[in-house]
Amino acid sequence: MTVARVLEAVGPATTPALAEPADLPLDGFRIGVTSHRRSQDLIEALERRGAAVLHAPALKIAPVQEDMVLIEDTRTIIAAKPDICIATTAYGMRRWCEAADSFGIGEQLLETLSACRMFVRGPKARGAVRAAGLADVGISSDETTATLVDMLLVEGVRGKTVAVQLHGYTDVRQLERLRMSGATVLTVAPYRWVKPDGEDKLPRLIEAVCSGNLDVLTFTSAPAVDAMWSTAHERGLYRQLVDALKGPVTVAAVGPVTAQPLLDAGLAPLIPDRYRMGALIRLVTEHLSLNHVRRLETKGSTIELRGRCLRINGKAVELAPAPLLLLRALLGAGGAVLSREALSDLLDLRGSVHALDMTVSRLRSALPDGKLIETVVKRGYRLRA
């Protein structure tokens, strides 16, 4: 039986819980951040909770001054005088209005939008629409474009012109549903994704995921997922990356639109009930605290493993990666015996008996009582109950 199967079989350790450091619930964990816009807010929030953050923006938003396509699409919509407009994001609406203002057509855009029926994808988009002095007549119940399109198709769109503000990840199916129902569909993308500066950062993040040197990888946009997949393919690491995100590394997405490329790859990302950055942070924190903190109470000492941080009686203890991985497996096994073969595979020791014995020896010397790691003759190792 492999270590992975042993851990799956025994489930989380059931040792007594210690009081968590309320101010640093992510202490010991390393989290990857792929966002560009508002990345500093996310990074600071994670670091305040004790996490180490590896930031590698997969994409960045092109400066509005360089986006002539946006201005041409805006002029087309103004000229078409649409019957209906769909606003999908608050940031997109604000950027659209700001871009139009910078090119001297802001008032024309607002006049056009005030003359049509505005539908919004969620509360934040509604807030941006109303801040612009506009009014909406309908909102999606689940913050999806699909639900908005359902609403429009019920009332009928044949012969009407529908303008859709896109949000970085085009839901082609919904646009096609409108067209197939007889609508003329015009689109505008207030922000375009381009490759970020420092293009070596994303490959390093991918390598960290593949090597298991990350606990959670976060995404706040679907294009960022696609950019990571593309970079992984270029480097021949796509399959290894996906496998890592199915196993030791947890992947989290801010909402279902962002999550779709992850689901398409066969992954099961964490998705908060409310599609907000704060909710994503809370979900990641709860997931790691509940599922990736291992504790063992022994006579006279308390051993706690939080990600890559080992604490004995509350004090941090330095431990090399191999002994740390071995301890995590033994704690996760909850007293079950792990075979020498399974541990050798886990540590990538290529069956070396000496290398495994040395790793066990280093782990024993770091613990308050080396006898906690018990040798089971001809079988393997386990934690002494």
Protein backbone atom coordinates (compact mmCIF):
# COMPACT_ATOMS: atom_id res chain seq x y z
CA MET A 1 0.00 0.00 0.00
CA THR A 2 1.36 3.42 -0.91
CA VAL A 3 1.67 6.24 1.62
CA ALA A 4 -1.00 8.20 -0.27
CA ARG A 5 -3.44 5.30 0.12
CA VAL A 6 -2.56 4.91 3.78
CA LEU A 7 -3.26 8.59 4.42
CA GLU A 8 -6.52 8.37 2.49
CA ALA A 9 -7.56 5.31 4.46
CA VAL A 10 -6.87 6.65 7.93
CA GLY A 11 -8.09 10.22 7.30
CA PRO A 12 -7.02 13.25 9.39
CA ALA A 13 -5.18 12.65 12.62
CA THR A 14 -7.45 12.59 15.64
CA THR A 15 -4.95 13.69 18.26
CA PRO A 16 -6.12 16.30 20.82
CA ALA A 17 -6.27 19.86 19.53
CA LEU A 18 -4.29 22.78 20.87
CA ALA A 19 -5.56 26.33 20.98
CA GLU A 20 -4.70 27.84 17.61
CA PRO A 21 -2.77 31.11 17.43
CA ALA A 22 -5.81 33.18 16.49
CA ASP A 23 -3.73 35.90 14.86
CA LEU A 24 -1.55 33.55 12.77
CA PRO A 25 -3.74 30.67 11.57
CA LEU A 26 -1.62 30.27 8.39
CA ASP A 27 1.72 30.10 10.20
CA GLY A 28 3.92 27.50 8.49
CA PHE A 29 1.98 27.41 5.23
CA ARG A 30 3.14 28.59 1.81
CA ILE A 31 0.53 29.93 -0.62
CA GLY A 32 0.85 30.80 -4.30
CA VAL A 33 -0.85 33.92 -5.68
CA THR A 34 -1.37 34.23 -9.44
CA SER A 35 -3.40 37.45 -9.60
CA HIS A 36 -2.18 40.79 -10.92
CA ARG A 37 -5.00 43.20 -10.13
CA ARG A 38 -5.46 43.63 -6.37
CA SER A 39 -2.71 41.09 -5.74
CA GLN A 40 -1.22 43.23 -2.97
CA ASP A 41 -4.49 43.13 -1.04
CA LEU A 42 -4.54 39.33 -1.23
CA ILE A 43 -0.86 38.95 -0.38
CA GLU A 44 -1.06 41.26 2.64
CA ALA A 45 -4.16 39.50 3.95
CA LEU A 46 -2.44 36.10 3.73
CA GLU A 47 0.79 37.37 5.28
CA ARG A 48 -1.10 38.99 8.17
CA ARG A 49 -2.38 35.49 8.95
CA GLY A 50 1.17 34.11 8.99
CA ALA A 51 1.49 32.59 5.50
CA ALA A 52 4.58 32.76 3.32
CA VAL A 53 3.45 33.92 -0.14
CA LEU A 54 4.95 33.11 -3.53
CA HIS A 55 3.61 35.67 -6.02
CA ALA A 56 3.78 35.09 -9.76
CA PRO A 57 1.17 37.02 -11.77
CA ALA A 58 0.11 34.80 -14.66
CA LEU A 59 -1.24 37.80 -16.62
CA LYS A 60 -1.63 41.54 -16.21
CA ILE A 61 -4.18 43.98 -17.55
CA ALA A 62 -3.07 46.10 -20.51
CA PRO A 63 -2.94 49.90 -19.88
CA VAL A 64 -6.12 51.53 -21.13
CA GLN A 65 -4.15 54.02 -23.23
CA GLU A 66 -2.88 51.14 -25.35
CA ASP A 67 -6.30 49.53 -25.86
CA MET A 68 -7.65 51.05 -29.06
CA VAL A 69 -9.86 47.98 -29.61
CA LEU A 70 -11.80 48.96 -26.47
CA ILE A 71 -12.43 52.47 -27.82
CA GLU A 72 -13.50 51.23 -31.26
CA ASP A 73 -15.90 48.71 -29.71
CA THR A 74 -17.30 51.49 -27.50
CA ARG A 75 -17.91 53.73 -30.50
CA THR A 76 -19.66 50.84 -32.27
CA ILE A 77 -22.00 50.34 -29.29
CA ILE A 78 -22.75 54.06 -29.06
CA ALA A 79 -23.64 54.13 -32.76
CA ALA A 80 -25.80 50.99 -32.51
CA LYS A 81 -27.95 52.34 -29.62
CA PRO A 82 -28.52 48.87 -28.07
CA ASP A 83 -31.83 47.86 -26.52
CA ILE A 84 -30.18 45.90 -23.72
CA CYS A 85 -26.79 46.00 -21.96
CA ILE A 86 -25.34 43.31 -19.70
CA ALA A 87 -22.79 44.49 -17.09
CA THR A 88 -20.79 41.57 -15.73
CA THR A 89 -18.22 43.13 -13.36
CA ALA A 90 -17.82 46.29 -11.29
CA TYR A 91 -14.20 46.71 -12.32
CA GLY A 92 -15.13 46.29 -15.99
CA MET A 93 -17.88 48.92 -15.79
CA ARG A 94 -15.63 51.43 -14.03
CA ARG A 95 -12.78 50.86 -16.47
CA TRP A 96 -15.13 51.12 -19.45
CA CYS A 97 -16.43 54.51 -18.29
CA GLU A 98 -12.93 55.75 -17.44
CA ALA A 99 -11.58 54.69 -20.85
CA ALA A 100 -14.46 56.40 -22.64
CA ASP A 101 -13.83 59.57 -20.61
CA SER A 102 -10.13 59.54 -21.49
CA PHE A 103 -11.03 59.53 -25.21
CA GLY A 104 -13.73 62.19 -24.90
CA ILE A 105 -16.74 59.92 -25.45
CA GLY A 106 -17.72 59.30 -21.83
CA GLU A 107 -20.91 61.36 -21.93
CA GLN A 108 -22.02 59.68 -25.16
CA LEU A 109 -21.51 56.27 -23.58
CA LEU A 110 -23.56 57.15 -20.49
CA GLU A 111 -26.36 58.58 -22.67
CA THR A 112 -26.41 55.35 -24.68
CA LEU A 113 -26.50 53.14 -21.58
CA SER A 114 -29.15 55.24 -19.86
CA ALA A 115 -31.43 54.75 -22.89
CA CYS A 116 -31.23 50.95 -22.80
CA ARG A 117 -32.27 48.33 -20.24
CA MET A 118 -29.34 47.41 -17.98
CA PHE A 119 -28.94 43.93 -16.51
CA VAL A 120 -26.19 43.18 -13.96
CA ARG A 121 -24.46 39.95 -13.02
CA GLY A 122 -24.14 40.65 -9.31
CA PRO A 123 -24.26 43.21 -6.46
CA LYS A 124 -20.82 44.64 -7.19
CA ALA A 125 -21.66 45.23 -10.86
CA ARG A 126 -24.95 46.79 -9.74
CA GLY A 127 -23.02 49.14 -7.45
CA ALA A 128 -20.75 50.26 -10.31
CA VAL A 129 -23.73 50.81 -12.62
CA ARG A 130 -25.52 52.94 -10.05
CA ALA A 131 -22.33 54.85 -9.20
CA ALA A 132 -22.22 55.86 -12.87
CA GLY A 133 -25.72 57.34 -12.51
CA LEU A 134 -27.41 54.47 -14.33
CA ALA A 135 -30.25 52.17 -13.28
CA ASP A 136 -30.55 48.41 -13.70
CA VAL A 137 -33.72 46.43 -14.29
CA GLY A 138 -32.53 42.91 -13.45
CA ILE A 139 -29.83 41.00 -11.55
CA SER A 140 -28.64 37.39 -11.71
CA SER A 141 -29.70 35.31 -8.71
CA ASP A 142 -26.40 33.41 -8.67
CA GLU A 143 -23.96 35.96 -10.14
CA THR A 144 -23.59 34.12 -13.46
CA THR A 145 -23.96 35.34 -17.02
CA ALA A 146 -25.91 32.18 -17.87
CA THR A 147 -28.72 33.15 -15.49
CA LEU A 148 -28.91 36.63 -17.00
CA VAL A 149 -29.20 35.14 -20.47
CA ASP A 150 -31.95 32.81 -19.20
CA MET A 151 -33.87 35.88 -18.03
CA LEU A 152 -33.48 37.64 -21.38
CA LEU A 153 -34.49 34.59 -23.40
CA VAL A 154 -37.69 34.23 -21.35
CA GLU A 155 -38.76 37.75 -22.25
CA GLY A 156 -37.47 37.46 -25.83
CA VAL A 157 -34.56 39.09 -27.64
CA ARG A 158 -35.41 38.52 -31.31
CA GLY A 159 -34.69 41.64 -33.34
CA LYS A 160 -33.01 43.39 -30.41
CA THR A 161 -29.41 44.58 -30.03
CA VAL A 162 -27.66 43.39 -26.89
CA ALA A 163 -24.37 44.90 -25.69
CA VAL A 164 -22.31 42.68 -23.36
CA GLN A 165 -19.49 43.96 -21.17
CA LEU A 166 -17.03 41.06 -21.02
CA HIS A 167 -14.88 40.35 -17.99
CA GLY A 168 -11.63 38.80 -19.15
CA TYR A 169 -13.03 35.30 -19.70
CA THR A 170 -15.53 35.22 -22.54
CA ASP A 171 -18.42 32.83 -22.05
CA VAL A 172 -18.84 32.12 -25.75
CA ARG A 173 -21.79 29.79 -25.15
CA GLN A 174 -23.92 32.55 -23.63
CA LEU A 175 -23.17 34.93 -26.51
CA GLU A 176 -24.14 32.21 -28.95
CA ARG A 177 -27.42 31.55 -27.10
CA LEU A 178 -28.36 35.20 -27.57
CA ARG A 179 -27.46 35.13 -31.26
CA MET A 180 -29.33 31.87 -31.87
CA SER A 181 -32.40 33.49 -30.31
CA GLY A 182 -32.36 36.30 -32.88
CA ALA A 183 -30.40 39.02 -31.07
CA THR A 184 -27.62 41.14 -32.54
CA VAL A 185 -24.80 40.87 -30.02
CA LEU A 186 -22.09 43.50 -29.55
CA THR A 187 -19.27 43.00 -27.06
CA VAL A 188 -16.77 45.20 -25.29
CA ALA A 189 -13.82 44.01 -23.20
CA PRO A 190 -12.78 46.83 -20.86
CA TYR A 191 -9.61 44.98 -19.95
CA ARG A 192 -7.33 42.71 -21.94
CA TRP A 193 -4.84 40.28 -20.44
CA VAL A 194 -1.20 40.45 -21.53
CA LYS A 195 1.95 38.71 -20.32
CA PRO A 196 3.35 40.30 -17.15
CA ASP A 197 6.82 41.67 -16.55
CA GLY A 198 9.25 39.19 -15.03
CA GLU A 199 8.16 36.20 -17.10
CA ASP A 200 10.48 33.88 -15.13
CA LYS A 201 8.21 34.11 -12.07
CA LEU A 202 5.42 31.89 -13.41
CA PRO A 203 7.75 28.98 -14.34
CA ARG A 204 9.21 29.14 -10.83
CA LEU A 205 5.72 28.98 -9.35
CA ILE A 206 4.87 25.98 -11.54
CA GLU A 207 8.04 24.22 -10.40
CA ALA A 208 7.15 24.93 -6.75
CA VAL A 209 3.75 23.30 -7.27
CA CYS A 210 5.21 20.29 -9.07
CA SER A 211 7.78 19.72 -6.32
CA GLY A 212 5.15 20.04 -3.58
CA ASN A 213 6.79 23.15 -2.11
CA LEU A 214 3.44 24.90 -1.90
CA ASP A 215 0.35 24.20 0.20
CA VAL A 216 -2.28 26.13 -1.77
CA LEU A 217 -2.39 27.77 -5.20
CA THR A 218 -4.97 30.55 -5.62
CA PHE A 219 -6.64 31.94 -8.74
CA THR A 220 -8.87 35.01 -9.11
CA SER A 221 -9.36 34.90 -12.90
CA ALA A 222 -9.93 32.17 -15.48
CA PRO A 223 -7.41 33.66 -17.98
CA ALA A 224 -4.72 33.24 -15.32
CA VAL A 225 -5.50 29.51 -15.19
CA ASP A 226 -5.25 29.29 -18.99
CA ALA A 227 -1.95 31.19 -18.92
CA MET A 228 -0.54 28.76 -16.35
CA TRP A 229 -1.70 25.74 -18.40
CA SER A 230 -0.04 27.24 -21.50
CA THR A 231 3.25 27.89 -19.70
CA ALA A 232 3.22 24.39 -18.21
CA HIS A 233 2.65 22.87 -21.66
CA GLU A 234 5.57 24.88 -23.07
CA ARG A 235 7.84 23.51 -20.35
CA GLY A 236 6.56 19.93 -20.59
CA LEU A 237 5.16 20.07 -17.05
CA TYR A 238 1.40 20.18 -17.65
CA ARG A 239 0.63 16.61 -16.54
CA GLN A 240 2.95 16.89 -13.55
CA LEU A 241 1.32 20.20 -12.59
CA VAL A 242 -2.22 18.80 -12.76
CA ASP A 243 -1.18 15.70 -10.78
CA ALA A 244 0.33 17.90 -8.05
CA LEU A 245 -2.90 19.92 -7.85
CA LYS A 246 -4.82 16.67 -7.42
CA GLY A 247 -2.55 15.57 -4.60
CA PRO A 248 -0.29 17.45 -2.20
CA VAL A 249 -1.17 20.99 -3.36
CA THR A 250 -4.69 22.39 -2.91
CA VAL A 251 -6.05 24.70 -5.61
CA ALA A 252 -8.57 27.45 -4.81
CA ALA A 253 -10.62 29.73 -7.08
CA VAL A 254 -12.57 32.88 -6.20
CA GLY A 255 -15.71 31.74 -8.04
CA PRO A 256 -17.21 29.31 -10.59
CA VAL A 257 -16.12 31.27 -13.66
CA THR A 258 -12.51 31.24 -12.48
CA ALA A 259 -12.84 27.58 -11.49
CA GLN A 260 -14.12 26.33 -14.86
CA PRO A 261 -10.69 25.75 -16.51
CA LEU A 262 -9.63 23.91 -13.35
CA LEU A 263 -12.74 21.72 -13.45
CA ASP A 264 -12.13 21.06 -17.15
CA ALA A 265 -8.69 19.71 -16.19
CA GLY A 266 -10.27 17.25 -13.76
CA LEU A 267 -9.47 19.20 -10.59
CA ALA A 268 -11.74 19.90 -7.63
CA PRO A 269 -10.87 23.44 -6.50
CA LEU A 270 -12.00 25.09 -3.30
CA ILE A 271 -14.69 27.67 -4.20
CA PRO A 272 -16.22 29.99 -1.57
CA ASP A 273 -20.00 30.38 -1.34
CA ARG A 274 -19.62 34.13 -1.85
CA TYR A 275 -17.44 34.95 -4.83
CA ARG A 276 -15.26 37.50 -3.04
CA MET A 277 -11.59 37.70 -2.14
CA GLY A 278 -12.36 37.85 1.60
CA ALA A 279 -14.44 34.68 1.36
CA LEU A 280 -11.63 32.96 -0.57
CA ILE A 281 -9.12 33.85 2.15
CA ARG A 282 -11.43 32.54 4.89
CA LEU A 283 -12.03 29.29 3.00
CA VAL A 284 -8.31 28.68 2.44
CA THR A 285 -7.59 29.42 6.10
CA GLU A 286 -10.31 27.05 7.32
CA HIS A 287 -9.24 24.30 4.91
CA LEU A 288 -5.59 24.37 6.01
CA SER A 289 -6.42 24.67 9.71
CA LEU A 290 -8.84 21.73 9.61
CA ASN A 291 -7.03 19.41 7.22
CA HIS A 292 -3.32 20.22 7.23
CA VAL A 293 -2.41 20.78 10.87
CA ARG A 294 -1.17 17.61 12.56
CA ARG A 295 -0.74 17.37 16.33
CA LEU A 296 0.59 14.72 18.66
CA GLU A 297 0.43 14.86 22.45
CA THR A 298 3.18 12.86 24.14
CA LYS A 299 4.31 12.57 27.73
CA GLY A 300 5.78 15.97 28.53
CA SER A 301 5.60 17.49 25.02
CA THR A 302 3.28 18.62 22.28
CA ILE A 303 4.31 18.16 18.64
CA GLU A 304 2.55 20.24 16.02
CA LEU A 305 3.18 20.23 12.27
CA ARG A 306 1.72 23.17 10.33
CA GLY A 307 2.67 22.99 6.67
CA ARG A 308 6.46 23.34 6.73
CA CYS A 309 6.69 24.50 10.32
CA LEU A 310 7.38 22.00 13.11
CA ARG A 311 6.73 23.23 16.64
CA ILE A 312 7.58 21.33 19.79
CA ASN A 313 5.99 22.78 22.91
CA GLY A 314 5.27 25.93 20.91
CA LYS A 315 8.87 26.47 19.76
CA ALA A 316 9.84 26.24 16.08
CA VAL A 317 12.24 23.43 15.21
CA GLU A 318 14.27 23.47 11.99
CA LEU A 319 13.82 20.29 9.98
CA ALA A 320 15.10 19.42 6.52
CA PRO A 321 12.50 18.67 3.79
CA ALA A 322 12.94 14.86 3.81
CA PRO A 323 12.50 14.33 7.59
CA LEU A 324 9.62 16.82 7.49
CA LEU A 325 7.86 14.84 4.77
CA LEU A 326 8.46 11.63 6.70
CA LEU A 327 6.98 13.12 9.88
CA ARG A 328 3.92 14.38 8.00
CA ALA A 329 3.29 10.89 6.59
CA LEU A 330 3.67 9.21 9.98
CA LEU A 331 1.41 11.75 11.71
CA GLY A 332 -1.17 11.36 8.95
CA ALA A 333 -1.09 7.58 9.30
CA GLY A 334 -2.26 7.93 12.91
CA GLY A 335 -0.22 5.02 14.25
CA ALA A 336 -0.54 2.71 11.22
CA VAL A 337 2.63 1.08 9.95
CA LEU A 338 4.08 2.58 6.77
CA SER A 339 6.25 0.17 4.83
CA ARG A 340 9.87 0.93 4.01
CA GLU A 341 9.02 0.65 0.32
CA ALA A 342 6.19 3.19 0.54
CA LEU A 343 8.33 5.63 2.51
CA SER A 344 11.21 5.21 0.10
CA ASP A 345 8.87 6.03 -2.80
CA LEU A 346 7.44 9.03 -0.94
CA LEU A 347 10.91 10.44 -0.30
CA ASP A 348 12.09 9.56 -3.83
CA LEU A 349 15.01 7.56 -2.43
CA ARG A 350 14.99 5.00 -5.27
CA GLY A 351 14.88 2.12 -2.78
CA SER A 352 18.01 3.17 -0.91
CA VAL A 353 17.90 1.50 2.52
CA HIS A 354 20.75 3.64 3.84
CA ALA A 355 19.12 6.91 2.74
CA LEU A 356 15.84 5.98 4.45
CA ASP A 357 17.62 4.98 7.66
CA MET A 358 19.50 8.29 7.68
CA THR A 359 16.25 10.24 7.20
CA VAL A 360 14.63 8.35 10.08
CA SER A 361 17.70 9.01 12.23
CA ARG A 362 17.61 12.78 11.51
CA LEU A 363 13.91 12.88 12.37
CA ARG A 364 14.44 11.02 15.64
CA SER A 365 17.21 13.40 16.69
CA ALA A 366 14.91 16.42 16.11
CA LEU A 367 12.11 15.05 18.30
CA PRO A 368 12.03 15.33 22.10
CA ASP A 369 11.92 11.52 22.26
CA GLY A 370 13.41 9.60 19.37
CA LYS A 371 11.55 6.49 20.49
CA LEU A 372 8.35 8.07 19.17
CA ILE A 373 9.40 6.73 15.76
CA GLU A 374 9.06 2.99 16.23
CA THR A 375 10.72 0.44 13.97
CA VAL A 376 8.42 -2.48 13.14
CA VAL A 377 10.75 -5.32 12.19
CA LYS A 378 10.44 -6.47 8.57
CA ARG A 379 7.52 -4.09 8.03
CA GLY A 380 8.45 -0.41 8.37
CA TYR A 381 7.85 2.49 10.75
CA ARG A 382 5.04 4.00 12.76
CA LEU A 383 4.46 6.58 15.47
CA ARG A 384 4.35 5.04 18.91
CA ALA A 385 0.87 5.45 20.36
